[in-house]
Amino acid sequence: MNSANKSKDEADTGQVPQKPGDRGWQSLKSFNTREQILRSAIQCIVELGYANTTTTRIAEKAGLSRGATLHHFSSHMEIIQASVEYLHRKRLRAFRRAAETLPEDGNRVRLAAEAYWEHVTHPLFVAFFELSVAARNDKQLASVLLPAQKAFDDALYQTTLEVFPEWKHDQRALELAMNLAQTLMEGMAICRLTRSQHYNKEPLLDFLEGSLRSLLPVQN
């Protein structure tokens, strides 16, 4: 094992695997395989749609047998539940990372809007949208997706407050701003999927920026 791999293993597991039979090595291998399965499940949802994302196709995408896949997840729905949680963690981490890079002395409103646009045009949002549509008529999927979405929305609310602390004392304005931004940009992203990917988004982002600025508290 070279030093680069050793450092990664130490960071991920807190211990240095010494040989293939070592428990730490086995735990890391299992973790990596589960991650591979979840990434493959999300890729299948994006490329094939939820209805066609079977355990067999997930296994094929992951380069595993169906039996090996079910060794790590006992059922198809367990894979989907873990994939939903993985998806929302990835989405929130990506948005937080984008929010942290916004310059304090820049146009925070426009830059935040553009960061969310990048977020909703990423394949992870396509997977979320596909799951949301499927959950309309699938109670079991809805029972998995809706709590995860609520947790994502709560965390997104807190992240927005960190970027725009001036909204702290005007919860109504903050909620209106977030609802407007999410509804408009997620709708734009869906249009991008179902119509043309080359329409001009700038006029709508200009409109959104002006509307969000009007909701910011007046600075004394």
Protein backbone atom coordinates (compact mmCIF):
# COMPACT_ATOMS: atom_id res chain seq x y z
CA MET A 1 0.00 0.00 0.00
CA ASN A 2 1.46 3.33 -1.02
CA SER A 3 1.49 6.40 1.27
CA ALA A 4 -1.36 8.12 -0.60
CA ASN A 5 -3.70 5.16 -0.14
CA LYS A 6 -2.58 4.77 3.44
CA SER A 7 -3.49 8.36 4.23
CA LYS A 8 -6.92 7.95 2.63
CA ASP A 9 -7.62 4.76 4.57
CA GLU A 10 -6.58 6.42 7.82
CA ALA A 11 -8.87 9.38 7.13
CA ASP A 12 -11.86 7.18 6.24
CA THR A 13 -11.60 4.53 8.93
CA GLY A 14 -9.41 5.96 11.66
CA GLN A 15 -7.07 2.95 11.46
CA VAL A 16 -4.51 1.48 9.08
CA PRO A 17 -5.58 -1.80 7.43
CA GLN A 18 -2.64 -4.18 7.60
CA LYS A 19 -3.83 -7.11 5.48
CA PRO A 20 -6.90 -8.23 3.53
CA GLY A 21 -8.25 -10.07 6.58
CA ASP A 22 -8.08 -7.02 8.80
CA ARG A 23 -11.47 -5.80 10.03
CA GLY A 24 -10.68 -2.19 9.09
CA TRP A 25 -9.85 -3.21 5.53
CA GLN A 26 -13.07 -5.21 5.26
CA SER A 27 -15.12 -2.29 6.62
CA LEU A 28 -13.56 0.09 4.12
CA LYS A 29 -14.17 -2.34 1.27
CA SER A 30 -17.80 -2.76 2.31
CA PHE A 31 -18.26 1.02 2.60
CA ASN A 32 -16.79 1.60 -0.86
CA THR A 33 -18.98 -1.11 -2.38
CA ARG A 34 -22.12 0.37 -0.82
CA GLU A 35 -21.16 3.82 -2.15
CA GLN A 36 -20.61 2.29 -5.59
CA ILE A 37 -24.08 0.72 -5.48
CA LEU A 38 -25.72 4.01 -4.44
CA ARG A 39 -23.94 5.99 -7.16
CA SER A 40 -25.01 3.37 -9.69
CA ALA A 41 -28.63 3.49 -8.48
CA ILE A 42 -28.71 7.27 -8.95
CA GLN A 43 -27.14 6.95 -12.41
CA CYS A 44 -29.81 4.41 -13.35
CA ILE A 45 -32.58 6.71 -12.12
CA VAL A 46 -31.18 9.56 -14.23
CA GLU A 47 -30.56 7.47 -17.35
CA LEU A 48 -33.42 4.94 -17.24
CA GLY A 49 -36.09 6.46 -15.00
CA TYR A 50 -37.26 5.17 -11.63
CA ALA A 51 -39.57 2.48 -13.04
CA ASN A 52 -36.69 0.87 -14.93
CA THR A 53 -34.20 1.07 -12.08
CA THR A 54 -34.30 -2.55 -11.02
CA THR A 55 -31.89 -4.28 -8.68
CA THR A 56 -30.44 -6.19 -11.63
CA ARG A 57 -29.73 -3.00 -13.59
CA ILE A 58 -28.20 -1.32 -10.54
CA ALA A 59 -25.94 -4.33 -10.08
CA GLU A 60 -24.91 -4.27 -13.74
CA LYS A 61 -24.10 -0.57 -13.56
CA ALA A 62 -22.04 -1.17 -10.40
CA GLY A 63 -20.18 -4.10 -11.99
CA LEU A 64 -21.53 -6.53 -9.40
CA SER A 65 -23.72 -9.59 -9.38
CA ARG A 66 -27.30 -9.24 -8.16
CA GLY A 67 -26.44 -11.48 -5.22
CA ALA A 68 -23.46 -9.34 -4.23
CA THR A 69 -25.64 -6.25 -4.38
CA LEU A 70 -28.27 -7.83 -2.14
CA HIS A 71 -25.52 -8.81 0.28
CA HIS A 72 -25.11 -5.11 1.07
CA PHE A 73 -28.79 -4.12 0.76
CA SER A 74 -31.48 -6.65 1.57
CA SER A 75 -34.08 -5.33 -0.90
CA HIS A 76 -34.64 -2.98 -3.82
CA MET A 77 -36.45 -0.48 -1.59
CA GLU A 78 -33.55 -0.50 0.87
CA ILE A 79 -31.25 0.50 -2.00
CA ILE A 80 -33.66 3.27 -2.99
CA GLN A 81 -33.99 4.54 0.59
CA ALA A 82 -30.22 4.68 1.01
CA SER A 83 -29.90 6.31 -2.43
CA VAL A 84 -32.38 9.04 -1.46
CA GLU A 85 -30.41 9.80 1.70
CA TYR A 86 -27.14 9.77 -0.28
CA LEU A 87 -28.66 12.01 -2.95
CA HIS A 88 -29.81 14.64 -0.47
CA ARG A 89 -26.49 14.64 1.36
CA LYS A 90 -24.70 15.22 -1.94
CA ARG A 91 -27.13 17.96 -3.02
CA LEU A 92 -26.87 19.83 0.25
CA ARG A 93 -23.09 19.49 0.42
CA ALA A 94 -22.79 20.88 -3.11
CA PHE A 95 -25.02 23.85 -2.34
CA ARG A 96 -23.23 24.60 0.92
CA ARG A 97 -19.90 24.46 -0.86
CA ALA A 98 -21.18 26.94 -3.46
CA ALA A 99 -22.60 29.22 -0.74
CA GLU A 100 -19.32 29.25 1.16
CA THR A 101 -17.49 30.59 -1.89
CA LEU A 102 -19.77 33.61 -2.35
CA PRO A 103 -17.70 36.81 -1.86
CA GLU A 104 -18.93 39.04 0.94
CA ASP A 105 -18.36 42.17 -1.13
CA GLY A 106 -19.92 40.79 -4.34
CA ASN A 107 -23.46 40.64 -5.69
CA ARG A 108 -24.61 37.97 -3.24
CA VAL A 109 -28.17 37.89 -4.55
CA ARG A 110 -27.22 37.22 -8.17
CA LEU A 111 -24.38 34.87 -7.27
CA ALA A 112 -26.61 32.87 -4.92
CA ALA A 113 -29.26 32.60 -7.64
CA GLU A 114 -26.67 31.42 -10.14
CA ALA A 115 -25.33 28.90 -7.60
CA TYR A 116 -28.82 27.45 -7.14
CA TRP A 117 -29.28 27.35 -10.92
CA GLU A 118 -26.12 25.28 -11.19
CA HIS A 119 -27.55 23.08 -8.48
CA VAL A 120 -30.88 22.40 -10.24
CA THR A 121 -29.22 21.71 -13.60
CA HIS A 122 -26.93 19.05 -12.11
CA PRO A 123 -27.76 15.34 -12.70
CA LEU A 124 -28.46 14.97 -8.96
CA PHE A 125 -31.49 17.23 -9.36
CA VAL A 126 -32.64 15.16 -12.35
CA ALA A 127 -32.60 12.12 -10.06
CA PHE A 128 -34.55 14.01 -7.39
CA PHE A 129 -37.13 15.18 -9.95
CA GLU A 130 -37.57 11.66 -11.32
CA LEU A 131 -38.09 10.30 -7.79
CA SER A 132 -40.56 13.09 -6.96
CA VAL A 133 -42.71 12.27 -9.98
CA ALA A 134 -42.62 8.55 -9.21
CA ALA A 135 -43.53 9.17 -5.56
CA ARG A 136 -46.90 10.65 -6.59
CA ASN A 137 -48.26 7.14 -7.13
CA ASP A 138 -45.91 5.13 -4.95
CA LYS A 139 -46.70 5.42 -1.25
CA GLN A 140 -43.65 3.43 -0.19
CA LEU A 141 -41.33 5.69 -2.18
CA ALA A 142 -43.13 8.79 -0.88
CA SER A 143 -42.61 7.61 2.70
CA VAL A 144 -38.86 7.56 2.01
CA LEU A 145 -38.58 10.68 -0.15
CA LEU A 146 -40.72 13.19 1.75
CA PRO A 147 -38.85 13.05 5.11
CA ALA A 148 -35.52 13.34 3.29
CA GLN A 149 -36.82 16.31 1.30
CA LYS A 150 -38.02 18.03 4.48
CA ALA A 151 -34.59 17.56 6.06
CA PHE A 152 -33.00 19.00 2.91
CA ASP A 153 -35.34 22.01 2.95
CA ASP A 154 -34.62 22.67 6.63
CA ALA A 155 -30.88 22.58 6.03
CA LEU A 156 -31.25 24.78 2.93
CA TYR A 157 -33.15 27.31 5.04
CA GLN A 158 -30.33 27.46 7.58
CA THR A 159 -27.70 27.77 4.85
CA THR A 160 -29.63 30.65 3.27
CA LEU A 161 -29.74 32.41 6.64
CA GLU A 162 -25.98 32.07 6.92
CA VAL A 163 -25.54 33.72 3.52
CA PHE A 164 -28.19 36.40 4.18
CA PRO A 165 -28.19 37.05 7.95
CA GLU A 166 -30.19 40.26 7.39
CA TRP A 167 -33.26 38.06 6.85
CA LYS A 168 -32.93 36.63 10.36
CA HIS A 169 -35.58 38.96 11.79
CA ASP A 170 -37.99 38.76 8.85
CA GLN A 171 -38.97 35.12 8.53
CA ARG A 172 -41.92 35.89 6.25
CA ALA A 173 -39.70 37.66 3.71
CA LEU A 174 -37.12 34.86 3.86
CA GLU A 175 -39.71 32.15 3.25
CA LEU A 176 -41.22 34.14 0.38
CA ALA A 177 -37.79 34.66 -1.18
CA MET A 178 -36.90 30.98 -0.88
CA ASN A 179 -40.25 29.81 -2.26
CA LEU A 180 -39.96 32.20 -5.20
CA ALA A 181 -36.38 31.20 -6.00
CA GLN A 182 -36.99 27.46 -5.69
CA THR A 183 -40.28 27.48 -7.61
CA LEU A 184 -38.92 29.61 -10.46
CA MET A 185 -35.56 27.91 -10.88
CA GLU A 186 -36.78 24.35 -10.39
CA GLY A 187 -39.50 25.09 -12.93
CA MET A 188 -36.87 26.48 -15.30
CA ALA A 189 -34.79 23.34 -14.80
CA ILE A 190 -37.76 21.11 -15.62
CA CYS A 191 -38.46 23.15 -18.78
CA ARG A 192 -34.83 22.66 -19.69
CA LEU A 193 -35.32 18.89 -19.43
CA THR A 194 -38.63 18.70 -21.29
CA ARG A 195 -38.22 21.45 -23.89
CA SER A 196 -35.08 23.15 -25.15
CA GLN A 197 -31.82 23.23 -23.27
CA HIS A 198 -30.80 26.40 -25.13
CA TYR A 199 -33.44 28.91 -24.07
CA ASN A 200 -32.24 32.21 -22.62
CA LYS A 201 -32.40 31.99 -18.84
CA GLU A 202 -30.93 35.46 -18.22
CA PRO A 203 -34.20 37.48 -18.35
CA LEU A 204 -35.74 35.18 -15.73
CA LEU A 205 -32.66 35.39 -13.51
CA ASP A 206 -32.75 39.20 -13.88
CA PHE A 207 -36.39 39.17 -12.78
CA LEU A 208 -35.60 36.86 -9.86
CA GLU A 209 -32.69 39.01 -8.74
CA GLY A 210 -34.83 42.15 -8.71
CA SER A 211 -37.62 40.38 -6.81
CA LEU A 212 -35.23 39.01 -4.20
CA ARG A 213 -33.63 42.41 -3.70
CA SER A 214 -37.05 43.91 -3.04
CA LEU A 215 -37.52 41.38 -0.21
CA LEU A 216 -34.23 42.19 1.52
CA PRO A 217 -34.63 44.33 4.68
CA VAL A 218 -33.73 47.96 4.21
CA GLN A 219 -30.31 48.65 5.70
CA ASN A 220 -30.17 51.73 7.97
